Amino acid sequence: MMPVEIAMLLFALVIDQLLGEPPSSLHPVVWIGKSISLLERRAPRGAMMQLAYGVFVLVVVVGLFASSTYLLLAWLRAWNEVGYVIIGGLILKSTFAVRELQRAASRVWDALVSENLDTARRNLRHLVSRNTESLDQPLVVAATVESVAENVTDSFVSPVIFFVLFGVAGAVAYRAVNTLDSMIGYRGGYEHLGKAAARLDDLLNFVPARVAAGLTVVASAIVQADFRGAWRIMLRDHGLTASPNAGWTMSAMSGALGVQLEKIGCYRLGDPQAELSPLKILRAVHIMYVAVALTVLASIIVEVIVYVRPT
């Protein structure tokens, strides 16, 4: 008999690929975001007060959504295992977004091959937070490839690792921290408010980012990209980004594609061996999907080992 966790993961992946994202009114990550926004509006002034309040927001949001998920699924498992797999799979799916990442990247590619750079820049805003208005085509391609590479970690590997370790509640807890980081973990007026979330997000992604980078190297070998270059550039350039984690998968992807990925004024990853043509976006998505498949395979192996291990 298949462990229920494997069935849940496969169900979540099928739902992601067939249906994509649920409506906003039913999306747990949207609920998390609304909760953060509600609490953010009540943030106090002053660095120390904001820091303390940021810790409070972190504990409340993560605790609320992780504990409610755990209690709901514990009740469902005792009541009906099929219902447990279905509801658990639907919640798990909300913690990752492989199809949506692919679609967002494809919209940029479609605009570029149609020679509509302005549309490509607008579509790129769904993937990156930087100003895209002045980017030329190579920089639009670079930013899209970077986002695909970075999201191998954030959009799949990390939530799946926390699911394997701690169940659906663990994946939800990770997604809550990641959402907190994306919403308030930035420099500026709320720098201290989001500091706890940003540091915890860095910590939670520390191992998954390196796992995802390794999987990106293996995936590049499978699709016959430059896996040696992926390994070499990953080891050389992973520390050039401000984030302690994002550089790992981005540098591996740049090496695999033989391109240089640049965010002007921030970093340059890889060597400019090949042109940053729109085709590189499709190659990056291909590598991303193989890395996703490898993650699923590794997760199944772990679950089977745990399932058959003598107690």
C-alpha atoms as a PDB file:
ATOM      1  CA  MET A   1       0.000   0.000   0.000  1.00  0.00           C
ATOM      2  CA  MET A   2       1.276   3.477  -0.906  1.00  0.00           C
ATOM      3  CA  PRO A   3       2.031   5.761   2.041  1.00  0.00           C
ATOM      4  CA  VAL A   4      -0.678   8.423   2.209  1.00  0.00           C
ATOM      5  CA  GLU A   5       1.954  11.179   2.103  1.00  0.00           C
ATOM      6  CA  ILE A   6       3.063  10.041  -1.359  1.00  0.00           C
ATOM      7  CA  ALA A   7      -0.532   9.989  -2.572  1.00  0.00           C
ATOM      8  CA  MET A   8      -1.034  13.480  -1.145  1.00  0.00           C
ATOM      9  CA  LEU A   9       2.084  14.880  -2.841  1.00  0.00           C
ATOM     10  CA  LEU A  10       1.221  13.332  -6.208  1.00  0.00           C
ATOM     11  CA  PHE A  11      -2.373  14.565  -5.949  1.00  0.00           C
ATOM     12  CA  ALA A  12      -1.154  18.076  -5.142  1.00  0.00           C
ATOM     13  CA  LEU A  13       1.200  18.012  -8.134  1.00  0.00           C
ATOM     14  CA  VAL A  14      -1.549  16.810 -10.482  1.00  0.00           C
ATOM     15  CA  ILE A  15      -3.865  19.561  -9.259  1.00  0.00           C
ATOM     16  CA  ASP A  16      -1.122  22.132  -9.785  1.00  0.00           C
ATOM     17  CA  GLN A  17      -0.512  21.007 -13.369  1.00  0.00           C
ATOM     18  CA  LEU A  18      -4.158  20.564 -14.368  1.00  0.00           C
ATOM     19  CA  LEU A  19      -5.844  23.436 -12.559  1.00  0.00           C
ATOM     20  CA  GLY A  20      -3.131  25.839 -11.496  1.00  0.00           C
ATOM     21  CA  GLU A  21      -3.896  28.299  -8.725  1.00  0.00           C
ATOM     22  CA  PRO A  22      -7.205  28.233  -6.854  1.00  0.00           C
ATOM     23  CA  PRO A  23      -9.444  31.339  -6.825  1.00  0.00           C
ATOM     24  CA  SER A  24      -8.142  34.096  -4.565  1.00  0.00           C
ATOM     25  CA  SER A  25     -11.104  33.707  -2.218  1.00  0.00           C
ATOM     26  CA  LEU A  26     -10.113  30.063  -1.605  1.00  0.00           C
ATOM     27  CA  HIS A  27      -6.317  30.410  -1.654  1.00  0.00           C
ATOM     28  CA  PRO A  28      -4.682  29.887   1.767  1.00  0.00           C
ATOM     29  CA  VAL A  29      -1.677  32.009   0.764  1.00  0.00           C
ATOM     30  CA  VAL A  30      -4.041  34.892  -0.038  1.00  0.00           C
ATOM     31  CA  TRP A  31      -5.550  34.460   3.437  1.00  0.00           C
ATOM     32  CA  ILE A  32      -2.035  34.565   4.880  1.00  0.00           C
ATOM     33  CA  GLY A  33      -1.329  37.749   2.939  1.00  0.00           C
ATOM     34  CA  LYS A  34      -4.519  39.422   4.141  1.00  0.00           C
ATOM     35  CA  SER A  35      -3.687  38.520   7.730  1.00  0.00           C
ATOM     36  CA  ILE A  36      -0.223  40.047   7.339  1.00  0.00           C
ATOM     37  CA  SER A  37      -1.673  43.219   5.801  1.00  0.00           C
ATOM     38  CA  LEU A  38      -4.166  43.558   8.656  1.00  0.00           C
ATOM     39  CA  LEU A  39      -1.434  43.229  11.273  1.00  0.00           C
ATOM     40  CA  GLU A  40       0.997  45.423   9.339  1.00  0.00           C
ATOM     41  CA  ARG A  41      -1.398  48.381   9.486  1.00  0.00           C
ATOM     42  CA  ARG A  42      -1.119  48.292  13.277  1.00  0.00           C
ATOM     43  CA  ALA A  43       2.673  48.384  13.330  1.00  0.00           C
ATOM     44  CA  PRO A  44       4.105  50.797  15.912  1.00  0.00           C
ATOM     45  CA  ARG A  45       6.801  53.397  15.301  1.00  0.00           C
ATOM     46  CA  GLY A  46      10.353  53.049  16.527  1.00  0.00           C
ATOM     47  CA  ALA A  47      12.973  50.437  15.644  1.00  0.00           C
ATOM     48  CA  MET A  48      12.766  48.341  18.801  1.00  0.00           C
ATOM     49  CA  MET A  49       8.965  48.436  18.927  1.00  0.00           C
ATOM     50  CA  GLN A  50       8.783  47.406  15.270  1.00  0.00           C
ATOM     51  CA  LEU A  51      11.273  44.607  15.828  1.00  0.00           C
ATOM     52  CA  ALA A  52       9.237  43.239  18.745  1.00  0.00           C
ATOM     53  CA  TYR A  53       5.980  43.637  16.849  1.00  0.00           C
ATOM     54  CA  GLY A  54       7.520  41.877  13.839  1.00  0.00           C
ATOM     55  CA  VAL A  55       8.313  38.872  16.025  1.00  0.00           C
ATOM     56  CA  PHE A  56       4.735  38.966  17.316  1.00  0.00           C
ATOM     57  CA  VAL A  57       3.339  39.040  13.751  1.00  0.00           C
ATOM     58  CA  LEU A  58       5.620  36.172  12.757  1.00  0.00           C
ATOM     59  CA  VAL A  59       4.513  33.987  15.669  1.00  0.00           C
ATOM     60  CA  VAL A  60       0.822  34.792  15.229  1.00  0.00           C
ATOM     61  CA  VAL A  61       0.642  34.255  11.467  1.00  0.00           C
ATOM     62  CA  VAL A  62       2.780  31.122  11.329  1.00  0.00           C
ATOM     63  CA  GLY A  63       1.207  29.679  14.468  1.00  0.00           C
ATOM     64  CA  LEU A  64      -2.353  30.381  13.353  1.00  0.00           C
ATOM     65  CA  PHE A  65      -2.086  28.840   9.888  1.00  0.00           C
ATOM     66  CA  ALA A  66       0.212  25.924  10.768  1.00  0.00           C
ATOM     67  CA  SER A  67      -1.787  24.892  13.843  1.00  0.00           C
ATOM     68  CA  SER A  68      -5.167  25.189  12.109  1.00  0.00           C
ATOM     69  CA  THR A  69      -3.854  23.063   9.229  1.00  0.00           C
ATOM     70  CA  TYR A  70      -2.510  20.446  11.636  1.00  0.00           C
ATOM     71  CA  LEU A  71      -5.747  20.238  13.642  1.00  0.00           C
ATOM     72  CA  LEU A  72      -7.950  20.083  10.546  1.00  0.00           C
ATOM     73  CA  LEU A  73      -5.924  17.287   8.961  1.00  0.00           C
ATOM     74  CA  ALA A  74      -5.581  15.357  12.231  1.00  0.00           C
ATOM     75  CA  TRP A  75      -9.372  15.358  12.509  1.00  0.00           C
ATOM     76  CA  LEU A  76      -9.793  14.377   8.855  1.00  0.00           C
ATOM     77  CA  ARG A  77      -7.310  11.520   9.118  1.00  0.00           C
ATOM     78  CA  ALA A  78      -9.193  10.055  12.082  1.00  0.00           C
ATOM     79  CA  TRP A  79     -12.500  10.471  10.257  1.00  0.00           C
ATOM     80  CA  ASN A  80     -11.743   9.518   6.629  1.00  0.00           C
ATOM     81  CA  GLU A  81      -8.354   8.815   5.057  1.00  0.00           C
ATOM     82  CA  VAL A  82      -9.514   9.610   1.514  1.00  0.00           C
ATOM     83  CA  GLY A  83     -10.777  12.987   2.669  1.00  0.00           C
ATOM     84  CA  TYR A  84      -7.483  13.492   4.484  1.00  0.00           C
ATOM     85  CA  VAL A  85      -5.513  12.909   1.272  1.00  0.00           C
ATOM     86  CA  ILE A  86      -7.775  15.131  -0.834  1.00  0.00           C
ATOM     87  CA  ILE A  87      -7.969  18.096   1.538  1.00  0.00           C
ATOM     88  CA  GLY A  88      -4.334  17.710   2.544  1.00  0.00           C
ATOM     89  CA  GLY A  89      -3.322  17.601  -1.111  1.00  0.00           C
ATOM     90  CA  LEU A  90      -5.314  20.729  -1.907  1.00  0.00           C
ATOM     91  CA  ILE A  91      -3.718  22.620   0.977  1.00  0.00           C
ATOM     92  CA  LEU A  92      -0.265  21.316   0.048  1.00  0.00           C
ATOM     93  CA  LYS A  93      -0.766  22.438  -3.540  1.00  0.00           C
ATOM     94  CA  SER A  94      -1.391  25.995  -2.320  1.00  0.00           C
ATOM     95  CA  THR A  95       2.159  26.083  -0.905  1.00  0.00           C
ATOM     96  CA  PHE A  96       3.791  25.670  -4.334  1.00  0.00           C
ATOM     97  CA  ALA A  97       3.115  27.035  -7.805  1.00  0.00           C
ATOM     98  CA  VAL A  98       5.022  25.240 -10.548  1.00  0.00           C
ATOM     99  CA  ARG A  99       2.480  25.719 -13.325  1.00  0.00           C
ATOM    100  CA  GLU A 100       1.948  29.402 -12.502  1.00  0.00           C
ATOM    101  CA  LEU A 101       5.717  29.978 -12.583  1.00  0.00           C
ATOM    102  CA  GLN A 102       5.917  28.307 -15.989  1.00  0.00           C
ATOM    103  CA  ARG A 103       2.960  30.333 -17.301  1.00  0.00           C
ATOM    104  CA  ALA A 104       4.401  33.621 -16.054  1.00  0.00           C
ATOM    105  CA  ALA A 105       7.739  32.880 -17.736  1.00  0.00           C
ATOM    106  CA  SER A 106       5.967  31.782 -20.921  1.00  0.00           C
ATOM    107  CA  ARG A 107       4.048  35.066 -21.092  1.00  0.00           C
ATOM    108  CA  VAL A 108       7.358  36.927 -21.153  1.00  0.00           C
ATOM    109  CA  TRP A 109       8.679  34.559 -23.827  1.00  0.00           C
ATOM    110  CA  ASP A 110       5.517  34.983 -25.955  1.00  0.00           C
ATOM    111  CA  ALA A 111       5.867  38.756 -25.898  1.00  0.00           C
ATOM    112  CA  LEU A 112       9.563  38.615 -26.782  1.00  0.00           C
ATOM    113  CA  VAL A 113       9.116  36.267 -29.743  1.00  0.00           C
ATOM    114  CA  SER A 114       6.313  38.562 -30.920  1.00  0.00           C
ATOM    115  CA  GLU A 115       8.868  41.400 -30.718  1.00  0.00           C
ATOM    116  CA  ASN A 116       6.745  43.279 -28.179  1.00  0.00           C
ATOM    117  CA  LEU A 117       9.308  44.378 -25.628  1.00  0.00           C
ATOM    118  CA  ASP A 118       6.928  46.662 -23.716  1.00  0.00           C
ATOM    119  CA  THR A 119       4.503  43.787 -23.123  1.00  0.00           C
ATOM    120  CA  ALA A 120       7.391  41.557 -22.075  1.00  0.00           C
ATOM    121  CA  ARG A 121       8.468  44.173 -19.541  1.00  0.00           C
ATOM    122  CA  ARG A 122       4.942  44.385 -18.147  1.00  0.00           C
ATOM    123  CA  ASN A 123       4.635  40.610 -17.953  1.00  0.00           C
ATOM    124  CA  LEU A 124       7.982  40.433 -16.192  1.00  0.00           C
ATOM    125  CA  ARG A 125       6.513  42.388 -13.256  1.00  0.00           C
ATOM    126  CA  HIS A 126       4.656  39.211 -12.248  1.00  0.00           C
ATOM    127  CA  LEU A 127       8.038  37.553 -11.673  1.00  0.00           C
ATOM    128  CA  VAL A 128      10.343  40.232 -10.243  1.00  0.00           C
ATOM    129  CA  SER A 129      10.034  43.232  -7.957  1.00  0.00           C
ATOM    130  CA  ARG A 130      12.617  45.405  -9.761  1.00  0.00           C
ATOM    131  CA  ASN A 131      11.749  48.274 -12.111  1.00  0.00           C
ATOM    132  CA  THR A 132      11.385  46.697 -15.570  1.00  0.00           C
ATOM    133  CA  GLU A 133      10.552  49.765 -17.679  1.00  0.00           C
ATOM    134  CA  SER A 134      14.083  50.413 -18.962  1.00  0.00           C
ATOM    135  CA  LEU A 135      15.279  46.824 -19.392  1.00  0.00           C
ATOM    136  CA  ASP A 136      16.427  45.797 -22.863  1.00  0.00           C
ATOM    137  CA  GLN A 137      15.651  42.334 -24.255  1.00  0.00           C
ATOM    138  CA  PRO A 138      18.745  40.553 -22.859  1.00  0.00           C
ATOM    139  CA  LEU A 139      18.055  41.930 -19.370  1.00  0.00           C
ATOM    140  CA  VAL A 140      14.383  40.917 -19.625  1.00  0.00           C
ATOM    141  CA  VAL A 141      15.487  37.396 -20.530  1.00  0.00           C
ATOM    142  CA  ALA A 142      18.055  37.413 -17.729  1.00  0.00           C
ATOM    143  CA  ALA A 143      15.502  38.533 -15.124  1.00  0.00           C
ATOM    144  CA  THR A 144      13.048  35.858 -16.256  1.00  0.00           C
ATOM    145  CA  VAL A 145      15.673  33.114 -16.102  1.00  0.00           C
ATOM    146  CA  GLU A 146      16.776  34.359 -12.671  1.00  0.00           C
ATOM    147  CA  SER A 147      13.207  34.199 -11.364  1.00  0.00           C
ATOM    148  CA  VAL A 148      12.654  30.699 -12.725  1.00  0.00           C
ATOM    149  CA  ALA A 149      15.922  29.548 -11.148  1.00  0.00           C
ATOM    150  CA  GLU A 150      15.331  31.183  -7.767  1.00  0.00           C
ATOM    151  CA  ASN A 151      11.802  29.822  -7.594  1.00  0.00           C
ATOM    152  CA  VAL A 152      13.019  26.246  -7.990  1.00  0.00           C
ATOM    153  CA  THR A 153      13.716  26.717  -4.280  1.00  0.00           C
ATOM    154  CA  ASP A 154      10.911  28.994  -3.113  1.00  0.00           C
ATOM    155  CA  SER A 155       8.093  27.645  -5.253  1.00  0.00           C
ATOM    156  CA  PHE A 156       8.742  23.925  -4.902  1.00  0.00           C
ATOM    157  CA  VAL A 157      11.811  22.427  -3.243  1.00  0.00           C
ATOM    158  CA  SER A 158      11.454  24.245   0.091  1.00  0.00           C
ATOM    159  CA  PRO A 159       7.742  23.559   0.695  1.00  0.00           C
ATOM    160  CA  VAL A 160       8.164  19.919  -0.349  1.00  0.00           C
ATOM    161  CA  ILE A 161      11.125  19.428   1.986  1.00  0.00           C
ATOM    162  CA  PHE A 162       9.122  20.867   4.881  1.00  0.00           C
ATOM    163  CA  PHE A 163       6.191  18.665   3.883  1.00  0.00           C
ATOM    164  CA  VAL A 164       8.387  15.568   3.972  1.00  0.00           C
ATOM    165  CA  LEU A 165       9.805  16.559   7.351  1.00  0.00           C
ATOM    166  CA  PHE A 166       6.733  17.970   9.095  1.00  0.00           C
ATOM    167  CA  GLY A 167       3.674  17.201   6.990  1.00  0.00           C
ATOM    168  CA  VAL A 168       1.315  19.678   5.354  1.00  0.00           C
ATOM    169  CA  ALA A 169       1.430  21.933   8.411  1.00  0.00           C
ATOM    170  CA  GLY A 170       5.201  22.226   7.905  1.00  0.00           C
ATOM    171  CA  ALA A 171       4.743  23.286   4.275  1.00  0.00           C
ATOM    172  CA  VAL A 172       2.131  25.844   5.333  1.00  0.00           C
ATOM    173  CA  ALA A 173       4.441  27.184   8.053  1.00  0.00           C
ATOM    174  CA  TYR A 174       7.214  27.596   5.470  1.00  0.00           C
ATOM    175  CA  ARG A 175       4.888  29.378   3.043  1.00  0.00           C
ATOM    176  CA  ALA A 176       3.683  31.706   5.818  1.00  0.00           C
ATOM    177  CA  VAL A 177       7.272  32.691   6.658  1.00  0.00           C
ATOM    178  CA  ASN A 178       8.113  33.131   2.975  1.00  0.00           C
ATOM    179  CA  THR A 179       5.031  35.305   2.453  1.00  0.00           C
ATOM    180  CA  LEU A 180       5.911  37.400   5.484  1.00  0.00           C
ATOM    181  CA  ASP A 181       9.400  37.901   4.059  1.00  0.00           C
ATOM    182  CA  SER A 182       8.060  38.948   0.651  1.00  0.00           C
ATOM    183  CA  MET A 183       5.561  41.399   2.171  1.00  0.00           C
ATOM    184  CA  ILE A 184       7.401  43.010   5.091  1.00  0.00           C
ATOM    185  CA  GLY A 185      10.947  41.639   4.966  1.00  0.00           C
ATOM    186  CA  TYR A 186      12.346  44.559   3.010  1.00  0.00           C
ATOM    187  CA  ARG A 187      14.498  47.588   3.715  1.00  0.00           C
ATOM    188  CA  GLY A 188      12.887  50.973   4.140  1.00  0.00           C
ATOM    189  CA  GLY A 189      10.257  52.230   6.518  1.00  0.00           C
ATOM    190  CA  TYR A 190       9.480  48.725   7.799  1.00  0.00           C
ATOM    191  CA  GLU A 191      13.006  47.340   7.831  1.00  0.00           C
ATOM    192  CA  HIS A 192      12.852  46.415  11.519  1.00  0.00           C
ATOM    193  CA  LEU A 193       9.279  45.122  11.290  1.00  0.00           C
ATOM    194  CA  GLY A 194      10.251  42.454   8.794  1.00  0.00           C
ATOM    195  CA  LYS A 195      13.722  41.649  10.090  1.00  0.00           C
ATOM    196  CA  ALA A 196      12.649  38.546  12.057  1.00  0.00           C
ATOM    197  CA  ALA A 197      10.698  37.160   9.090  1.00  0.00           C
ATOM    198  CA  ALA A 198      13.563  37.850   6.688  1.00  0.00           C
ATOM    199  CA  ARG A 199      16.131  36.154   8.892  1.00  0.00           C
ATOM    200  CA  LEU A 200      13.907  33.145   9.508  1.00  0.00           C
ATOM    201  CA  ASP A 201      13.191  32.839   5.776  1.00  0.00           C
ATOM    202  CA  ASP A 202      16.951  32.831   5.103  1.00  0.00           C
ATOM    203  CA  LEU A 203      17.397  30.122   7.718  1.00  0.00           C
ATOM    204  CA  LEU A 204      14.557  27.936   6.432  1.00  0.00           C
ATOM    205  CA  ASN A 205      15.821  28.172   2.860  1.00  0.00           C
ATOM    206  CA  PHE A 206      19.477  27.538   3.724  1.00  0.00           C
ATOM    207  CA  VAL A 207      19.449  23.786   3.089  1.00  0.00           C
ATOM    208  CA  PRO A 208      16.677  23.698   0.433  1.00  0.00           C
ATOM    209  CA  ALA A 209      18.473  26.324  -1.690  1.00  0.00           C
ATOM    210  CA  ARG A 210      21.602  24.196  -1.821  1.00  0.00           C
ATOM    211  CA  VAL A 211      19.579  21.052  -2.501  1.00  0.00           C
ATOM    212  CA  ALA A 212      17.729  22.882  -5.295  1.00  0.00           C
ATOM    213  CA  ALA A 213      21.020  24.047  -6.791  1.00  0.00           C
ATOM    214  CA  GLY A 214      22.338  20.488  -6.801  1.00  0.00           C
ATOM    215  CA  LEU A 215      19.127  19.293  -8.422  1.00  0.00           C
ATOM    216  CA  THR A 216      19.487  22.054 -11.027  1.00  0.00           C
ATOM    217  CA  VAL A 217      22.944  20.743 -11.894  1.00  0.00           C
ATOM    218  CA  VAL A 218      21.636  17.169 -12.199  1.00  0.00           C
ATOM    219  CA  ALA A 219      18.635  18.375 -14.218  1.00  0.00           C
ATOM    220  CA  SER A 220      20.945  20.242 -16.605  1.00  0.00           C
ATOM    221  CA  ALA A 221      22.809  16.998 -17.234  1.00  0.00           C
ATOM    222  CA  ILE A 222      19.554  15.156 -17.943  1.00  0.00           C
ATOM    223  CA  VAL A 223      18.420  17.748 -20.517  1.00  0.00           C
ATOM    224  CA  GLN A 224      21.940  17.836 -22.028  1.00  0.00           C
ATOM    225  CA  ALA A 225      22.706  21.385 -20.967  1.00  0.00           C
ATOM    226  CA  ASP A 226      26.158  22.322 -19.671  1.00  0.00           C
ATOM    227  CA  PHE A 227      26.105  20.550 -16.309  1.00  0.00           C
ATOM    228  CA  ARG A 228      29.842  21.006 -15.824  1.00  0.00           C
ATOM    229  CA  GLY A 229      29.399  24.727 -16.319  1.00  0.00           C
ATOM    230  CA  ALA A 230      26.446  24.683 -13.946  1.00  0.00           C
ATOM    231  CA  TRP A 231      28.575  23.090 -11.223  1.00  0.00           C
ATOM    232  CA  ARG A 232      31.567  25.368 -11.837  1.00  0.00           C
ATOM    233  CA  ILE A 233      29.599  28.627 -11.922  1.00  0.00           C
ATOM    234  CA  MET A 234      27.499  27.589  -8.924  1.00  0.00           C
ATOM    235  CA  LEU A 235      30.620  27.083  -6.824  1.00  0.00           C
ATOM    236  CA  ARG A 236      32.195  30.299  -8.092  1.00  0.00           C
ATOM    237  CA  ASP A 237      29.306  32.783  -8.096  1.00  0.00           C
ATOM    238  CA  HIS A 238      26.737  31.621  -5.531  1.00  0.00           C
ATOM    239  CA  GLY A 239      27.905  34.216  -3.004  1.00  0.00           C
ATOM    240  CA  LEU A 240      27.584  37.265  -5.277  1.00  0.00           C
ATOM    241  CA  THR A 241      23.940  38.000  -4.453  1.00  0.00           C
ATOM    242  CA  ALA A 242      22.732  39.876  -1.378  1.00  0.00           C
ATOM    243  CA  SER A 243      20.614  36.871  -0.440  1.00  0.00           C
ATOM    244  CA  PRO A 244      22.590  34.000   1.114  1.00  0.00           C
ATOM    245  CA  ASN A 245      20.394  31.521  -0.768  1.00  0.00           C
ATOM    246  CA  ALA A 246      19.183  32.935  -4.104  1.00  0.00           C
ATOM    247  CA  GLY A 247      22.609  32.874  -5.727  1.00  0.00           C
ATOM    248  CA  TRP A 248      22.887  29.097  -5.577  1.00  0.00           C
ATOM    249  CA  THR A 249      20.189  28.174  -8.084  1.00  0.00           C
ATOM    250  CA  MET A 250      20.644  31.311 -10.186  1.00  0.00           C
ATOM    251  CA  SER A 251      24.359  30.718 -10.666  1.00  0.00           C
ATOM    252  CA  ALA A 252      23.771  27.033 -11.412  1.00  0.00           C
ATOM    253  CA  MET A 253      21.184  27.988 -14.039  1.00  0.00           C
ATOM    254  CA  SER A 254      23.470  30.602 -15.597  1.00  0.00           C
ATOM    255  CA  GLY A 255      26.226  28.010 -15.938  1.00  0.00           C
ATOM    256  CA  ALA A 256      23.857  25.418 -17.372  1.00  0.00           C
ATOM    257  CA  LEU A 257      22.672  27.852 -20.046  1.00  0.00           C
ATOM    258  CA  GLY A 258      26.091  29.402 -20.676  1.00  0.00           C
ATOM    259  CA  VAL A 259      24.777  32.935 -20.103  1.00  0.00           C
ATOM    260  CA  GLN A 260      25.523  35.825 -17.795  1.00  0.00           C
ATOM    261  CA  LEU A 261      22.643  36.858 -15.538  1.00  0.00           C
ATOM    262  CA  GLU A 262      22.873  40.468 -14.428  1.00  0.00           C
ATOM    263  CA  LYS A 263      20.894  42.721 -12.136  1.00  0.00           C
ATOM    264  CA  ILE A 264      22.431  46.108 -12.848  1.00  0.00           C
ATOM    265  CA  GLY A 265      24.223  47.517  -9.836  1.00  0.00           C
ATOM    266  CA  CYS A 266      23.781  44.310  -7.836  1.00  0.00           C
ATOM    267  CA  TYR A 267      25.451  41.254  -9.379  1.00  0.00           C
ATOM    268  CA  ARG A 268      26.627  39.409 -12.449  1.00  0.00           C
ATOM    269  CA  LEU A 269      26.430  35.629 -12.439  1.00  0.00           C
ATOM    270  CA  GLY A 270      28.070  33.361 -14.990  1.00  0.00           C
ATOM    271  CA  ASP A 271      30.022  34.015 -18.168  1.00  0.00           C
ATOM    272  CA  PRO A 272      28.529  35.509 -21.365  1.00  0.00           C
ATOM    273  CA  GLN A 273      29.265  32.497 -23.548  1.00  0.00           C
ATOM    274  CA  ALA A 274      25.861  32.448 -25.250  1.00  0.00           C
ATOM    275  CA  GLU A 275      23.337  35.079 -26.268  1.00  0.00           C
ATOM    276  CA  LEU A 276      20.459  35.852 -23.888  1.00  0.00           C
ATOM    277  CA  SER A 277      17.830  34.940 -26.455  1.00  0.00           C
ATOM    278  CA  PRO A 278      14.174  34.202 -25.573  1.00  0.00           C
ATOM    279  CA  LEU A 279      14.919  30.515 -26.131  1.00  0.00           C
ATOM    280  CA  LYS A 280      16.907  30.552 -22.874  1.00  0.00           C
ATOM    281  CA  ILE A 281      13.644  31.113 -20.998  1.00  0.00           C
ATOM    282  CA  LEU A 282      12.235  27.867 -22.366  1.00  0.00           C
ATOM    283  CA  ARG A 283      15.447  26.033 -21.534  1.00  0.00           C
ATOM    284  CA  ALA A 284      15.324  27.353 -17.978  1.00  0.00           C
ATOM    285  CA  VAL A 285      11.719  26.205 -17.593  1.00  0.00           C
ATOM    286  CA  HIS A 286      12.688  22.774 -18.945  1.00  0.00           C
ATOM    287  CA  ILE A 287      15.490  22.464 -16.396  1.00  0.00           C
ATOM    288  CA  MET A 288      13.124  23.677 -13.660  1.00  0.00           C
ATOM    289  CA  TYR A 289      10.576  20.961 -14.483  1.00  0.00           C
ATOM    290  CA  VAL A 290      13.228  18.236 -14.398  1.00  0.00           C
ATOM    291  CA  ALA A 291      14.416  19.556 -11.015  1.00  0.00           C
ATOM    292  CA  VAL A 292      10.793  19.374  -9.810  1.00  0.00           C
ATOM    293  CA  ALA A 293      10.551  15.769 -11.001  1.00  0.00           C
ATOM    294  CA  LEU A 294      13.802  14.908  -9.219  1.00  0.00           C
ATOM    295  CA  THR A 295      12.460  16.504  -6.021  1.00  0.00           C
ATOM    296  CA  VAL A 296       9.310  14.401  -6.222  1.00  0.00           C
ATOM    297  CA  LEU A 297      11.338  11.250  -6.864  1.00  0.00           C
ATOM    298  CA  ALA A 298      13.620  11.954  -3.898  1.00  0.00           C
ATOM    299  CA  SER A 299      10.600  12.669  -1.681  1.00  0.00           C
ATOM    300  CA  ILE A 300       8.960   9.387  -2.661  1.00  0.00           C
ATOM    301  CA  ILE A 301      12.164   7.470  -1.903  1.00  0.00           C
ATOM    302  CA  VAL A 302      12.377   9.088   1.542  1.00  0.00           C
ATOM    303  CA  GLU A 303       8.722   8.381   2.308  1.00  0.00           C
ATOM    304  CA  VAL A 304       9.053   4.739   1.213  1.00  0.00           C
ATOM    305  CA  ILE A 305      12.168   4.269   3.344  1.00  0.00           C
ATOM    306  CA  VAL A 306      10.368   5.698   6.371  1.00  0.00           C
ATOM    307  CA  TYR A 307       7.249   3.650   5.591  1.00  0.00           C
ATOM    308  CA  VAL A 308       9.011   0.271   5.351  1.00  0.00           C
ATOM    309  CA  ARG A 309      11.543   0.879   8.112  1.00  0.00           C
ATOM    310  CA  PRO A 310      10.969  -1.539  11.021  1.00  0.00           C
ATOM    311  CA  THR A 311       9.562   0.145  14.111  1.00  0.00           C
END
